[in-house]
N, C-alpha and C. Protein backbone atom coordinates (compact mmCIF):
# COMPACT_ATOMS: atom_id res chain seq x y z
N MET A 1 -6.33 3.64 6.62
CA MET A 1 -5.89 4.42 5.59
C MET A 1 -4.71 3.76 6.00
N LYS A 2 -3.78 4.06 3.79
CA LYS A 2 -2.61 3.54 3.88
C LYS A 2 -1.47 4.82 4.19
N THR A 3 -0.59 4.31 4.86
CA THR A 3 0.88 5.38 4.97
C THR A 3 0.73 6.55 4.50
N LYS A 4 0.46 5.73 2.74
CA LYS A 4 1.22 6.16 1.78
C LYS A 4 0.43 7.15 1.29
N ASN A 5 -0.68 7.20 1.80
CA ASN A 5 -2.01 8.07 1.28
C ASN A 5 -1.75 9.41 2.89
N TYR A 6 -1.44 9.29 3.98
CA TYR A 6 -0.42 10.07 4.15
C TYR A 6 0.56 11.30 4.04
N ILE A 7 1.86 10.26 3.49
CA ILE A 7 3.16 10.68 3.21
C ILE A 7 3.04 11.49 2.02
N ASP A 8 1.99 10.93 1.09
CA ASP A 8 1.85 12.00 -0.45
C ASP A 8 1.04 13.45 0.41
N ALA A 9 0.45 13.56 1.41
CA ALA A 9 -0.37 14.74 1.69
C ALA A 9 0.41 15.61 1.88
N ILE A 10 1.30 15.36 3.15
CA ILE A 10 2.58 15.90 4.22
C ILE A 10 3.06 16.34 3.23
N ARG A 11 3.85 15.14 2.34
CA ARG A 11 4.75 16.32 0.85
C ARG A 11 4.07 17.62 0.18
N LYS A 12 2.72 16.82 0.05
CA LYS A 12 3.13 18.42 -0.89
C LYS A 12 2.41 18.87 0.05
N ASN A 13 1.50 18.57 1.24
CA ASN A 13 1.34 20.07 2.08
C ASN A 13 2.33 20.67 2.71
N ILE A 14 3.05 19.82 3.60
CA ILE A 14 4.08 20.62 4.16
C ILE A 14 5.32 20.16 3.55
N CYS A 15 6.29 19.69 2.90
CA CYS A 15 6.93 19.44 2.31
C CYS A 15 7.61 20.41 1.29
N GLU A 16 6.48 21.31 0.74
CA GLU A 16 6.60 22.18 -0.22
C GLU A 16 6.43 22.99 0.62
N ILE A 17 5.94 23.72 1.76
CA ILE A 17 6.72 25.06 2.55
C ILE A 17 7.16 24.83 3.05
N CYS A 18 7.77 23.66 3.58
CA CYS A 18 9.27 23.50 4.42
C CYS A 18 10.50 24.53 4.12
N CYS A 19 11.04 24.92 5.32
CA CYS A 19 12.23 25.62 4.84
C CYS A 19 13.89 24.81 5.01
N ASP A 20 13.64 23.50 5.22
CA ASP A 20 14.19 22.73 4.84
C ASP A 20 14.03 22.47 3.64
N ALA A 21 13.54 22.62 2.22
CA ALA A 21 13.28 22.03 0.83
C ALA A 21 13.58 23.12 0.30
N ASP A 22 13.68 22.67 -1.01
CA ASP A 22 14.24 23.64 -1.81
C ASP A 22 13.14 23.90 -2.75
N ASN A 23 12.89 24.73 -3.92
CA ASN A 23 11.27 25.47 -4.56
C ASN A 23 10.86 23.85 -4.71
N GLN A 24 10.82 23.10 -5.24
CA GLN A 24 10.00 22.05 -5.81
C GLN A 24 10.12 21.48 -4.49
N GLY A 25 10.26 21.89 -3.46
CA GLY A 25 9.65 20.29 -2.34
C GLY A 25 10.72 19.50 -1.83
N ARG A 26 11.57 19.33 -2.35
CA ARG A 26 12.42 18.38 -2.33
C ARG A 26 13.31 18.44 -1.11
N CYS A 27 13.89 18.16 -0.18
CA CYS A 27 14.05 18.05 1.51
C CYS A 27 15.21 18.21 1.15
N GLU A 28 16.58 19.37 1.35
CA GLU A 28 17.66 19.58 2.07
C GLU A 28 18.98 19.15 2.66
N LEU A 29 17.59 18.38 3.25
CA LEU A 29 18.86 17.91 4.93
C LEU A 29 19.82 17.40 4.78
N SER A 30 21.14 17.52 5.68
CA SER A 30 21.49 16.45 4.87
C SER A 30 22.35 15.16 5.09
N ASN A 31 22.72 14.50 4.71
CA ASN A 31 23.02 12.66 5.26
C ASN A 31 23.33 12.90 5.92
N GLY A 32 23.62 13.15 7.31
CA GLY A 32 23.56 12.93 8.63
C GLY A 32 22.28 13.23 9.88
N GLU A 33 21.25 14.50 7.99
CA GLU A 33 20.16 14.65 9.01
C GLU A 33 18.60 13.82 8.34
N ILE A 34 17.39 14.01 9.43
CA ILE A 34 16.84 12.87 9.80
C ILE A 34 15.60 14.22 9.08
N CYS A 35 14.86 14.02 8.54
CA CYS A 35 13.18 14.27 8.99
C CYS A 35 12.78 14.16 9.78
N ALA A 36 12.89 14.83 10.67
CA ALA A 36 11.65 14.42 12.04
C ALA A 36 9.85 13.95 11.33
N VAL A 37 9.51 14.79 10.60
CA VAL A 37 8.20 14.00 9.96
C VAL A 37 7.96 12.98 9.38
N GLU A 38 9.52 13.34 8.98
CA GLU A 38 8.39 12.01 7.70
C GLU A 38 9.20 10.46 9.35
N ASN A 39 10.03 10.91 9.60
CA ASN A 39 10.97 9.68 10.22
C ASN A 39 9.64 9.46 11.82
N TYR A 40 9.04 9.96 12.46
CA TYR A 40 8.01 10.04 13.14
C TYR A 40 6.68 10.06 12.51
N LEU A 41 6.18 9.89 11.41
CA LEU A 41 4.43 10.15 10.78
C LEU A 41 3.61 8.43 11.60
N PRO A 42 4.18 7.39 10.71
CA PRO A 42 2.83 6.60 11.30
C PRO A 42 2.49 7.06 12.89
N LYS A 43 3.86 7.32 13.58
CA LYS A 43 3.70 7.61 15.37
C LYS A 43 2.71 8.55 15.67
N ILE A 44 2.88 9.39 15.09
CA ILE A 44 2.48 10.90 14.79
C ILE A 44 0.22 10.63 14.49
N ILE A 45 0.40 10.02 13.46
CA ILE A 45 -0.90 9.08 12.36
C ILE A 45 -1.24 9.14 13.68
N ASP A 46 -1.10 8.12 14.53
CA ASP A 46 -1.83 7.14 15.35
C ASP A 46 -1.86 8.09 16.86
N ILE A 47 -1.64 9.57 17.46
CA ILE A 47 -1.25 9.81 18.36
C ILE A 47 -3.01 11.01 17.94
N VAL A 48 -2.92 11.28 16.53
CA VAL A 48 -3.94 12.28 15.92
C VAL A 48 -5.64 11.01 16.29
N HIS A 49 -5.22 9.67 15.43
CA HIS A 49 -6.23 9.05 15.83
C HIS A 49 -6.60 9.06 17.03
N ARG A 50 -5.58 8.58 18.19
CA ARG A 50 -5.68 7.64 19.34
C ARG A 50 -6.41 9.78 20.34
N ASN A 51 -6.16 10.72 19.94
CA ASN A 51 -6.41 12.02 20.75
C ASN A 51 -7.92 12.39 20.16
N ASN A 52 -7.97 12.16 18.55
CA ASN A 52 -8.72 12.63 18.07
C ASN A 52 -10.14 13.95 18.64
N SER A 53 -8.88 14.51 19.24
CA SER A 53 -9.46 16.47 19.99
C SER A 53 -9.37 17.34 18.89
N GLU A 54 -10.17 18.62 18.75
CA GLU A 54 -9.76 19.16 18.39
C GLU A 54 -9.09 20.34 18.51
N SER A 55 -9.12 20.18 20.40
CA SER A 55 -7.47 20.97 20.66
C SER A 55 -5.97 21.40 20.31
N LEU A 56 -5.69 21.83 20.13
CA LEU A 56 -4.21 21.82 19.11
C LEU A 56 -3.56 22.21 20.37
N GLU A 57 -3.81 22.36 21.69
CA GLU A 57 -2.84 22.39 22.64
C GLU A 57 -3.10 20.52 23.25
N GLU A 58 -4.09 20.24 23.09
CA GLU A 58 -4.01 18.88 24.01
C GLU A 58 -3.08 17.59 22.63
N ASN A 59 -3.54 18.33 21.49
CA ASN A 59 -2.07 17.29 20.62
C ASN A 59 -0.67 17.79 20.76
N PHE A 60 -0.98 18.45 20.86
CA PHE A 60 1.29 18.99 21.20
C PHE A 60 1.76 18.50 22.49
N LYS A 61 0.58 18.53 23.84
CA LYS A 61 0.22 17.96 24.33
C LYS A 61 1.64 16.03 24.40
N PHE A 62 0.36 15.36 23.79
CA PHE A 62 0.53 14.08 23.35
C PHE A 62 1.71 13.66 22.61
N LEU A 63 1.79 14.96 21.87
CA LEU A 63 3.26 14.62 20.63
C LEU A 63 4.69 15.38 21.84
N ARG A 64 4.32 16.02 22.88
CA ARG A 64 5.65 15.52 23.82
C ARG A 64 5.62 14.73 24.54
N ASN A 65 4.62 14.19 24.52
CA ASN A 65 5.01 13.04 25.96
C ASN A 65 4.77 11.41 25.57
N GLU A 66 4.92 11.42 23.61
CA GLU A 66 4.83 10.53 22.95
C GLU A 66 6.47 10.48 21.98
N ILE A 67 7.10 11.34 21.38
CA ILE A 67 7.48 11.69 20.83
C ILE A 67 8.41 12.68 21.29
N CYS A 68 8.46 13.32 21.82
CA CYS A 68 9.33 13.91 21.86
C CYS A 68 10.56 13.61 23.22
N VAL A 69 9.90 13.24 24.13
CA VAL A 69 10.62 12.72 25.25
C VAL A 69 11.03 11.44 25.24
N HIS A 70 11.32 10.54 23.50
CA HIS A 70 12.11 9.74 22.85
C HIS A 70 13.82 10.93 21.43
N CYS A 71 13.13 11.92 21.70
CA CYS A 71 13.97 12.40 20.32
C CYS A 71 15.68 12.56 21.22
N LYS A 72 16.54 12.22 20.53
CA LYS A 72 18.47 12.58 21.54
C LYS A 72 18.11 14.01 21.08
N THR A 73 17.76 15.04 21.10
CA THR A 73 17.72 16.23 20.93
C THR A 73 17.22 17.02 22.51
N SER A 74 16.52 15.76 23.12
CA SER A 74 15.58 16.14 24.03
C SER A 74 16.88 16.14 25.83
N ASP A 75 16.18 17.33 26.40
CA ASP A 75 17.42 16.50 27.41
C ASP A 75 16.27 15.30 28.81
N ALA A 76 16.39 15.51 29.59
CA ALA A 76 16.15 14.52 30.87
C ALA A 76 14.92 15.72 31.02
N GLU A 77 15.08 17.13 31.11
CA GLU A 77 13.43 18.03 31.97
C GLU A 77 12.82 18.19 30.38
N GLY A 78 12.93 17.91 29.23
CA GLY A 78 12.13 17.81 28.17
C GLY A 78 12.23 19.12 27.29
N LYS A 79 13.39 19.48 27.44
CA LYS A 79 14.24 20.89 26.85
C LYS A 79 14.77 20.39 25.93
N CYS A 80 14.52 21.35 24.72
CA CYS A 80 14.47 20.15 23.41
C CYS A 80 15.61 21.95 22.39
N TYR A 81 16.77 21.82 22.30
CA TYR A 81 17.60 23.04 21.34
C TYR A 81 17.21 22.90 20.66
N LEU A 82 16.59 22.73 19.61
CA LEU A 82 16.07 22.53 17.95
C LEU A 82 14.56 22.69 18.21
N ARG A 83 13.31 22.23 19.18
CA ARG A 83 12.21 23.65 19.56
C ARG A 83 12.94 24.64 19.85
N ASP A 84 13.64 25.29 20.78
CA ASP A 84 13.87 26.28 21.34
C ASP A 84 14.86 27.23 20.35
N ASP A 85 15.52 26.80 20.06
CA ASP A 85 16.01 27.58 18.54
C ASP A 85 14.58 27.83 17.21
N VAL A 86 13.30 26.97 17.18
CA VAL A 86 12.79 27.01 15.58
C VAL A 86 13.08 25.94 14.84
N ASN A 87 13.74 25.33 15.15
CA ASN A 87 14.66 23.96 14.17
C ASN A 87 14.05 22.94 14.34
N CYS A 88 13.08 22.52 15.13
CA CYS A 88 12.03 20.85 14.86
C CYS A 88 11.40 21.38 13.24
N SER A 89 11.38 20.22 12.75
CA SER A 89 9.91 20.55 11.34
C SER A 89 9.24 19.63 11.99
N LEU A 90 9.05 19.32 12.81
CA LEU A 90 7.67 18.36 13.49
C LEU A 90 7.05 19.29 13.83
N ASP A 91 7.61 20.22 15.28
CA ASP A 91 7.10 20.92 16.11
C ASP A 91 6.67 22.47 15.32
N ARG A 92 6.94 22.92 14.19
CA ARG A 92 7.40 23.87 13.38
C ARG A 92 6.11 23.98 12.43
N TYR A 93 5.71 22.47 12.24
CA TYR A 93 4.23 21.89 11.13
C TYR A 93 3.64 21.48 11.57
N PHE A 94 3.53 21.05 13.01
CA PHE A 94 2.72 20.48 13.19
C PHE A 94 1.13 20.71 13.96
N PRO A 95 0.96 21.99 14.04
CA PRO A 95 -0.62 22.06 13.13
C PRO A 95 -1.33 21.50 11.93
N LEU A 96 -0.32 21.91 10.93
CA LEU A 96 -0.61 21.41 9.99
C LEU A 96 -0.63 19.86 9.52
N ILE A 97 0.25 19.22 10.09
CA ILE A 97 0.95 17.70 9.88
C ILE A 97 -1.24 17.52 10.71
N VAL A 98 -1.36 17.85 11.69
CA VAL A 98 -2.60 17.30 12.41
C VAL A 98 -3.26 18.15 11.70
N GLU A 99 -4.20 18.84 10.70
CA GLU A 99 -5.08 19.29 10.02
C GLU A 99 -4.42 18.19 9.05
N THR A 100 -3.64 18.37 8.44
CA THR A 100 -3.14 18.16 6.81
C THR A 100 -4.26 15.61 7.36
N ILE A 101 -3.57 14.85 8.01
CA ILE A 101 -4.03 13.65 8.68
C ILE A 101 -5.21 13.75 8.30
N LYS A 102 -6.49 14.26 9.39
CA LYS A 102 -7.30 14.75 9.54
C LYS A 102 -8.07 15.23 8.12
N ARG A 103 -7.64 15.99 7.08
CA ARG A 103 -8.69 16.04 5.53
C ARG A 103 -7.89 15.10 4.86
N VAL A 104 -7.31 14.33 5.26
CA VAL A 104 -6.93 12.25 4.58
C VAL A 104 -8.27 11.13 4.66
N ASP A 105 -7.93 11.45 6.32
CA ASP A 105 -8.97 10.88 6.62
C ASP A 105 -10.14 11.00 6.59
N SER A 106 -10.99 12.26 5.92
CA SER A 106 -11.68 12.76 6.05
C SER A 106 -12.29 12.44 4.16
N GLY A 107 -10.91 12.12 3.17
CA GLY A 107 -11.06 12.19 1.83
C GLY A 107 -11.10 13.01 2.20
N LYS A 108 -10.85 14.60 1.76
CA LYS A 108 -10.52 15.65 1.48
C LYS A 108 -9.30 15.99 0.59
N ILE A 109 -8.27 15.24 0.80
CA ILE A 109 -7.22 15.21 0.13
C ILE A 109 -6.26 13.28 -0.16
N ILE A 110 -6.67 13.47 -1.07
CA ILE A 110 -6.16 11.49 -1.24
C ILE A 110 -4.61 12.11 -1.94
């Protein structure tokens, strides 16, 4: 599956409702900020495909162990001030991201 299909689906299903976007779904993060969803999307797709679990808890475990541990906002104990403040878009929208990836895979979203 082409990554572009996933990006297009994410932009339609997540960016349009993201609290960091305007009314048209355009990202309003400042120049110094990076959208974690788009930045880590290839890795997220890989996690969902390798895990292939229906358990959201299991998917979150993979997210924490494979992406969050490398994020500059996580400390050595795995605490993240963005996640604690419900300010990490990846954490906030992760269930919808997983669902969107699975729907693209099934051909229900193109």
